[in-house]
Amino acid sequence: MTEPTAPPRPSRVTRTTRETRVDLELGGASGIAMPVPFFAHLLDACATTWGVPLMVEASGDVAVDPHHLVEDTGLVLGRAILGRWPGYRDVARYGWAIVPMDEARAEVAVDLSGRTGSWLADVPVGAVGGLEGEVLEEFWPALARGAQLTLHVQMRAGRNRHHQWEAAFKALGLALRMATAVRPGLLSTKGRLDVPEDVSETAGRIGE
């Protein structure tokens, strides 16, 4: 008889550089505070559809450009995912979702594989709430790098950039919900994944 899998523990990661500070907890406290309101809205949409509490307290050189803060938040969220599911054992590994939002439709697929990569297609250009689309594009490769996962994002339809980006972040939440669902064992034809299994709260403090 297979032993029941213990629920994943909360994962907290803090990253401080000369440009930004990001303190993030996944699976414990919730609430998002940062000086980029539209990005905070997108993170909340992702966490809500994922069903995992997310706390983010972030600050940085947004007077220069939100680029650093958006990218570093993606990296820290990725590291928190790695810490919450060490070694990606006992999870379904693969997840995908297509989310419509009015005229917009976005598709996201993830593989918790240890093979880092991100591919974006047909993402909108232009600003929403003062945040440029090319800055939001930096979130996805940083997330993939931090979590050591493979990620595909494609905007299938849409005219309203707010709708398109929100659909994409909600699709990310649903894809991660599927990928992190409980599945006992390790899903790999090789019998292993090159993913660390000893990530802890202190080990997660990157770039101090």
C-alpha atoms as a PDB file:
ATOM      1  CA  MET A   1       0.000   0.000   0.000  1.00  0.00           C
ATOM      2  CA  THR A   2       1.361   3.434  -0.960  1.00  0.00           C
ATOM      3  CA  GLU A   3       1.949   5.783   1.945  1.00  0.00           C
ATOM      4  CA  PRO A   4      -0.037   9.028   1.727  1.00  0.00           C
ATOM      5  CA  THR A   5       1.959  11.959   0.439  1.00  0.00           C
ATOM      6  CA  ALA A   6       2.554  14.723   2.969  1.00  0.00           C
ATOM      7  CA  PRO A   7       1.176  18.123   1.952  1.00  0.00           C
ATOM      8  CA  PRO A   8       3.863  20.462   0.631  1.00  0.00           C
ATOM      9  CA  ARG A   9       5.270  22.916   3.140  1.00  0.00           C
ATOM     10  CA  PRO A  10       5.218  26.676   2.645  1.00  0.00           C
ATOM     11  CA  SER A  11       8.238  27.988   0.767  1.00  0.00           C
ATOM     12  CA  ARG A  12       9.730  31.407   1.441  1.00  0.00           C
ATOM     13  CA  VAL A  13      12.456  33.070  -0.593  1.00  0.00           C
ATOM     14  CA  THR A  14      14.051  36.477  -0.150  1.00  0.00           C
ATOM     15  CA  ARG A  15      16.255  38.081  -2.774  1.00  0.00           C
ATOM     16  CA  THR A  16      18.045  41.387  -2.325  1.00  0.00           C
ATOM     17  CA  THR A  17      20.189  43.172  -4.883  1.00  0.00           C
ATOM     18  CA  ARG A  18      21.226  46.774  -5.483  1.00  0.00           C
ATOM     19  CA  GLU A  19      18.186  47.066  -7.761  1.00  0.00           C
ATOM     20  CA  THR A  20      15.374  45.198  -6.004  1.00  0.00           C
ATOM     21  CA  ARG A  21      14.224  43.401  -2.891  1.00  0.00           C
ATOM     22  CA  VAL A  22      11.641  40.623  -3.217  1.00  0.00           C
ATOM     23  CA  ASP A  23      10.283  38.717  -0.214  1.00  0.00           C
ATOM     24  CA  LEU A  24       7.889  35.971  -1.330  1.00  0.00           C
ATOM     25  CA  GLU A  25       6.054  33.124   0.387  1.00  0.00           C
ATOM     26  CA  LEU A  26       4.187  30.397  -1.463  1.00  0.00           C
ATOM     27  CA  GLY A  27       1.637  28.272   0.358  1.00  0.00           C
ATOM     28  CA  GLY A  28       1.497  30.248   3.599  1.00  0.00           C
ATOM     29  CA  ALA A  29       0.593  33.908   3.967  1.00  0.00           C
ATOM     30  CA  SER A  30      -1.167  35.829   1.215  1.00  0.00           C
ATOM     31  CA  GLY A  31      -1.158  39.427   0.021  1.00  0.00           C
ATOM     32  CA  ILE A  32       0.753  41.322  -2.666  1.00  0.00           C
ATOM     33  CA  ALA A  33       2.434  44.664  -2.085  1.00  0.00           C
ATOM     34  CA  MET A  34       4.575  46.220  -4.790  1.00  0.00           C
ATOM     35  CA  PRO A  35       4.848  49.533  -6.634  1.00  0.00           C
ATOM     36  CA  VAL A  36       3.627  48.114  -9.969  1.00  0.00           C
ATOM     37  CA  PRO A  37      -0.183  47.797  -9.601  1.00  0.00           C
ATOM     38  CA  PHE A  38      -0.967  45.987 -12.849  1.00  0.00           C
ATOM     39  CA  PHE A  39       1.746  43.395 -12.213  1.00  0.00           C
ATOM     40  CA  ALA A  40       0.387  42.890  -8.676  1.00  0.00           C
ATOM     41  CA  HIS A  41      -3.050  42.327 -10.236  1.00  0.00           C
ATOM     42  CA  LEU A  42      -1.632  39.684 -12.578  1.00  0.00           C
ATOM     43  CA  LEU A  43       0.163  37.834  -9.779  1.00  0.00           C
ATOM     44  CA  ASP A  44      -3.041  37.814  -7.737  1.00  0.00           C
ATOM     45  CA  ALA A  45      -4.948  36.415 -10.734  1.00  0.00           C
ATOM     46  CA  CYS A  46      -2.360  33.646 -11.094  1.00  0.00           C
ATOM     47  CA  ALA A  47      -2.433  32.724  -7.391  1.00  0.00           C
ATOM     48  CA  THR A  48      -6.234  32.756  -7.285  1.00  0.00           C
ATOM     49  CA  THR A  49      -6.641  30.354 -10.203  1.00  0.00           C
ATOM     50  CA  TRP A  50      -3.788  28.196  -8.888  1.00  0.00           C
ATOM     51  CA  GLY A  51      -5.408  27.979  -5.461  1.00  0.00           C
ATOM     52  CA  VAL A  52      -2.091  28.429  -3.604  1.00  0.00           C
ATOM     53  CA  PRO A  53      -1.698  31.382  -1.213  1.00  0.00           C
ATOM     54  CA  LEU A  54       0.927  33.856  -2.399  1.00  0.00           C
ATOM     55  CA  MET A  55       2.574  36.634  -0.397  1.00  0.00           C
ATOM     56  CA  VAL A  56       4.818  39.127  -2.156  1.00  0.00           C
ATOM     57  CA  GLU A  57       6.474  42.216  -0.699  1.00  0.00           C
ATOM     58  CA  ALA A  58       8.629  43.838  -3.350  1.00  0.00           C
ATOM     59  CA  SER A  59      10.357  47.119  -3.964  1.00  0.00           C
ATOM     60  CA  GLY A  60      12.955  48.380  -6.392  1.00  0.00           C
ATOM     61  CA  ASP A  61      14.178  50.926  -8.875  1.00  0.00           C
ATOM     62  CA  VAL A  62      10.862  51.340 -10.665  1.00  0.00           C
ATOM     63  CA  ALA A  63      11.599  55.027 -11.155  1.00  0.00           C
ATOM     64  CA  VAL A  64      14.134  53.805 -13.699  1.00  0.00           C
ATOM     65  CA  ASP A  65      11.985  51.016 -15.172  1.00  0.00           C
ATOM     66  CA  PRO A  66       9.855  48.153 -13.737  1.00  0.00           C
ATOM     67  CA  HIS A  67      12.006  45.698 -15.709  1.00  0.00           C
ATOM     68  CA  HIS A  68      14.221  44.624 -12.791  1.00  0.00           C
ATOM     69  CA  LEU A  69      11.337  44.166 -10.356  1.00  0.00           C
ATOM     70  CA  VAL A  70       9.214  42.123 -12.776  1.00  0.00           C
ATOM     71  CA  GLU A  71      12.136  39.895 -13.738  1.00  0.00           C
ATOM     72  CA  ASP A  72      13.353  39.378 -10.166  1.00  0.00           C
ATOM     73  CA  THR A  73       9.846  38.554  -8.947  1.00  0.00           C
ATOM     74  CA  GLY A  74       9.608  35.849 -11.605  1.00  0.00           C
ATOM     75  CA  LEU A  75      12.952  34.437 -10.509  1.00  0.00           C
ATOM     76  CA  VAL A  76      11.989  34.411  -6.824  1.00  0.00           C
ATOM     77  CA  LEU A  77       8.587  32.849  -7.516  1.00  0.00           C
ATOM     78  CA  GLY A  78      10.362  30.131  -9.482  1.00  0.00           C
ATOM     79  CA  ARG A  79      12.717  29.426  -6.594  1.00  0.00           C
ATOM     80  CA  ALA A  80       9.752  29.254  -4.221  1.00  0.00           C
ATOM     81  CA  ILE A  81       8.086  26.665  -6.474  1.00  0.00           C
ATOM     82  CA  LEU A  82      11.299  24.642  -6.388  1.00  0.00           C
ATOM     83  CA  GLY A  83      11.358  24.894  -2.607  1.00  0.00           C
ATOM     84  CA  ARG A  84       7.710  23.884  -2.138  1.00  0.00           C
ATOM     85  CA  TRP A  85       8.037  20.782  -4.310  1.00  0.00           C
ATOM     86  CA  PRO A  86      11.685  19.655  -3.846  1.00  0.00           C
ATOM     87  CA  GLY A  87      12.917  17.399  -6.618  1.00  0.00           C
ATOM     88  CA  TYR A  88       9.445  17.554  -8.224  1.00  0.00           C
ATOM     89  CA  ARG A  89       8.569  14.245  -6.635  1.00  0.00           C
ATOM     90  CA  ASP A  90       4.958  13.232  -6.003  1.00  0.00           C
ATOM     91  CA  VAL A  91       3.536  15.699  -8.525  1.00  0.00           C
ATOM     92  CA  ALA A  92       1.881  15.280 -11.909  1.00  0.00           C
ATOM     93  CA  ARG A  93       4.753  17.245 -13.503  1.00  0.00           C
ATOM     94  CA  TYR A  94       2.877  18.342 -16.653  1.00  0.00           C
ATOM     95  CA  GLY A  95       0.169  20.989 -16.762  1.00  0.00           C
ATOM     96  CA  TRP A  96      -1.613  23.032 -19.392  1.00  0.00           C
ATOM     97  CA  ALA A  97      -4.574  25.385 -19.688  1.00  0.00           C
ATOM     98  CA  ILE A  98      -6.419  27.550 -22.179  1.00  0.00           C
ATOM     99  CA  VAL A  99      -8.205  30.500 -20.611  1.00  0.00           C
ATOM    100  CA  PRO A 100     -10.650  32.833 -22.346  1.00  0.00           C
ATOM    101  CA  MET A 101     -11.297  36.359 -21.095  1.00  0.00           C
ATOM    102  CA  ASP A 102     -13.889  38.104 -23.210  1.00  0.00           C
ATOM    103  CA  GLU A 103     -12.335  38.379 -26.702  1.00  0.00           C
ATOM    104  CA  ALA A 104      -8.894  37.213 -25.505  1.00  0.00           C
ATOM    105  CA  ARG A 105      -7.646  33.637 -25.181  1.00  0.00           C
ATOM    106  CA  ALA A 106      -4.302  32.476 -23.808  1.00  0.00           C
ATOM    107  CA  GLU A 107      -2.612  29.086 -23.631  1.00  0.00           C
ATOM    108  CA  VAL A 108       0.092  28.045 -21.163  1.00  0.00           C
ATOM    109  CA  ALA A 109       1.853  24.682 -20.786  1.00  0.00           C
ATOM    110  CA  VAL A 110       4.446  23.748 -18.156  1.00  0.00           C
ATOM    111  CA  ASP A 111       6.741  20.809 -17.501  1.00  0.00           C
ATOM    112  CA  LEU A 112       8.374  20.557 -14.059  1.00  0.00           C
ATOM    113  CA  SER A 113      11.337  18.880 -15.635  1.00  0.00           C
ATOM    114  CA  GLY A 114      14.611  20.427 -14.516  1.00  0.00           C
ATOM    115  CA  ARG A 115      15.110  21.464 -18.135  1.00  0.00           C
ATOM    116  CA  THR A 116      14.873  25.233 -18.132  1.00  0.00           C
ATOM    117  CA  GLY A 117      13.341  26.981 -21.108  1.00  0.00           C
ATOM    118  CA  SER A 118      10.579  29.395 -22.065  1.00  0.00           C
ATOM    119  CA  TRP A 119       8.880  30.098 -25.364  1.00  0.00           C
ATOM    120  CA  LEU A 120       6.451  32.971 -25.907  1.00  0.00           C
ATOM    121  CA  ALA A 121       4.392  33.533 -29.034  1.00  0.00           C
ATOM    122  CA  ASP A 122       2.030  36.260 -30.201  1.00  0.00           C
ATOM    123  CA  VAL A 123       2.273  38.256 -26.976  1.00  0.00           C
ATOM    124  CA  PRO A 124       0.898  41.797 -27.144  1.00  0.00           C
ATOM    125  CA  VAL A 125       3.078  44.876 -27.392  1.00  0.00           C
ATOM    126  CA  GLY A 126       2.226  48.194 -25.793  1.00  0.00           C
ATOM    127  CA  ALA A 127       1.508  49.296 -22.245  1.00  0.00           C
ATOM    128  CA  VAL A 128      -1.219  48.392 -19.753  1.00  0.00           C
ATOM    129  CA  GLY A 129      -1.441  50.471 -16.602  1.00  0.00           C
ATOM    130  CA  GLY A 130       1.922  51.995 -17.434  1.00  0.00           C
ATOM    131  CA  LEU A 131       3.589  48.577 -17.729  1.00  0.00           C
ATOM    132  CA  GLU A 132       5.045  47.744 -21.141  1.00  0.00           C
ATOM    133  CA  GLY A 133       4.418  44.345 -22.689  1.00  0.00           C
ATOM    134  CA  GLU A 134       8.135  43.870 -23.359  1.00  0.00           C
ATOM    135  CA  VAL A 135       8.736  44.202 -19.596  1.00  0.00           C
ATOM    136  CA  LEU A 136       6.080  41.585 -18.800  1.00  0.00           C
ATOM    137  CA  GLU A 137       7.782  39.263 -21.259  1.00  0.00           C
ATOM    138  CA  GLU A 138      10.788  39.161 -18.901  1.00  0.00           C
ATOM    139  CA  PHE A 139       8.727  37.509 -16.148  1.00  0.00           C
ATOM    140  CA  TRP A 140       8.343  34.197 -17.967  1.00  0.00           C
ATOM    141  CA  PRO A 141      11.988  33.231 -18.670  1.00  0.00           C
ATOM    142  CA  ALA A 142      12.903  34.337 -15.142  1.00  0.00           C
ATOM    143  CA  LEU A 143      10.169  32.087 -13.714  1.00  0.00           C
ATOM    144  CA  ALA A 144      11.370  29.174 -15.831  1.00  0.00           C
ATOM    145  CA  ARG A 145      14.974  29.758 -14.769  1.00  0.00           C
ATOM    146  CA  GLY A 146      14.143  30.013 -11.077  1.00  0.00           C
ATOM    147  CA  ALA A 147      11.902  26.942 -11.036  1.00  0.00           C
ATOM    148  CA  GLN A 148      13.928  24.885 -13.527  1.00  0.00           C
ATOM    149  CA  LEU A 149      10.839  24.217 -15.608  1.00  0.00           C
ATOM    150  CA  THR A 150       9.870  24.301 -19.258  1.00  0.00           C
ATOM    151  CA  LEU A 151       7.226  26.874 -20.141  1.00  0.00           C
ATOM    152  CA  HIS A 152       5.234  27.698 -23.262  1.00  0.00           C
ATOM    153  CA  VAL A 153       2.965  30.745 -23.540  1.00  0.00           C
ATOM    154  CA  GLN A 154       0.841  31.693 -26.528  1.00  0.00           C
ATOM    155  CA  MET A 155      -1.814  34.344 -26.981  1.00  0.00           C
ATOM    156  CA  ARG A 156      -4.385  32.683 -29.198  1.00  0.00           C
ATOM    157  CA  ALA A 157      -6.721  35.650 -29.619  1.00  0.00           C
ATOM    158  CA  GLY A 158      -7.485  39.108 -28.338  1.00  0.00           C
ATOM    159  CA  ARG A 159      -7.439  42.865 -28.889  1.00  0.00           C
ATOM    160  CA  ASN A 160      -7.476  44.188 -25.333  1.00  0.00           C
ATOM    161  CA  ARG A 161      -3.990  43.858 -23.828  1.00  0.00           C
ATOM    162  CA  HIS A 162      -5.317  43.777 -20.261  1.00  0.00           C
ATOM    163  CA  HIS A 163      -7.521  40.812 -21.147  1.00  0.00           C
ATOM    164  CA  GLN A 164      -4.680  39.037 -22.949  1.00  0.00           C
ATOM    165  CA  TRP A 165      -2.162  39.299 -20.120  1.00  0.00           C
ATOM    166  CA  GLU A 166      -4.709  38.460 -17.441  1.00  0.00           C
ATOM    167  CA  ALA A 167      -5.812  35.388 -19.396  1.00  0.00           C
ATOM    168  CA  ALA A 168      -2.152  34.311 -19.650  1.00  0.00           C
ATOM    169  CA  PHE A 169      -1.491  34.643 -15.917  1.00  0.00           C
ATOM    170  CA  LYS A 170      -4.723  32.806 -15.083  1.00  0.00           C
ATOM    171  CA  ALA A 171      -3.722  30.067 -17.524  1.00  0.00           C
ATOM    172  CA  LEU A 172      -0.355  29.867 -15.768  1.00  0.00           C
ATOM    173  CA  GLY A 173      -2.131  29.377 -12.448  1.00  0.00           C
ATOM    174  CA  LEU A 174      -4.323  26.583 -13.829  1.00  0.00           C
ATOM    175  CA  ALA A 175      -1.358  24.902 -15.559  1.00  0.00           C
ATOM    176  CA  LEU A 176       0.621  24.959 -12.309  1.00  0.00           C
ATOM    177  CA  ARG A 177      -2.391  23.592 -10.423  1.00  0.00           C
ATOM    178  CA  MET A 178      -2.413  20.611 -12.769  1.00  0.00           C
ATOM    179  CA  ALA A 179       1.374  20.155 -12.742  1.00  0.00           C
ATOM    180  CA  THR A 180       1.640  20.262  -8.927  1.00  0.00           C
ATOM    181  CA  ALA A 181      -1.316  17.960  -8.273  1.00  0.00           C
ATOM    182  CA  VAL A 182      -0.414  14.921  -6.198  1.00  0.00           C
ATOM    183  CA  ARG A 183       0.912  11.922  -8.097  1.00  0.00           C
ATOM    184  CA  PRO A 184       3.003   9.544  -5.957  1.00  0.00           C
ATOM    185  CA  GLY A 185       6.517   8.870  -7.211  1.00  0.00           C
ATOM    186  CA  LEU A 186       8.645  10.510  -9.875  1.00  0.00           C
ATOM    187  CA  LEU A 187       7.277  10.831 -13.392  1.00  0.00           C
ATOM    188  CA  SER A 188      10.335  10.317 -15.591  1.00  0.00           C
ATOM    189  CA  THR A 189      11.274   7.765 -18.231  1.00  0.00           C
ATOM    190  CA  LYS A 190      14.899   8.251 -17.154  1.00  0.00           C
ATOM    191  CA  GLY A 191      14.099   7.499 -13.528  1.00  0.00           C
ATOM    192  CA  ARG A 192      15.490  10.857 -12.380  1.00  0.00           C
ATOM    193  CA  LEU A 193      15.198  14.590 -12.805  1.00  0.00           C
ATOM    194  CA  ASP A 194      18.125  16.977 -12.432  1.00  0.00           C
ATOM    195  CA  VAL A 195      16.313  19.066  -9.845  1.00  0.00           C
ATOM    196  CA  PRO A 196      17.624  19.798  -6.318  1.00  0.00           C
ATOM    197  CA  GLU A 197      15.768  18.117  -3.465  1.00  0.00           C
ATOM    198  CA  ASP A 198      17.362  20.047  -0.599  1.00  0.00           C
ATOM    199  CA  VAL A 199      16.030  23.538  -1.261  1.00  0.00           C
ATOM    200  CA  SER A 200      15.160  25.156   2.079  1.00  0.00           C
ATOM    201  CA  GLU A 201      14.065  28.555   3.305  1.00  0.00           C
ATOM    202  CA  THR A 202      17.656  29.582   4.002  1.00  0.00           C
ATOM    203  CA  ALA A 203      19.050  27.987   0.856  1.00  0.00           C
ATOM    204  CA  GLY A 204      16.414  29.927  -1.064  1.00  0.00           C
ATOM    205  CA  ARG A 205      18.028  33.238  -0.162  1.00  0.00           C
ATOM    206  CA  ILE A 206      19.595  34.017  -3.504  1.00  0.00           C
ATOM    207  CA  GLY A 207      21.553  37.035  -4.604  1.00  0.00           C
ATOM    208  CA  GLU A 208      21.924  38.659  -1.189  1.00  0.00           C
END
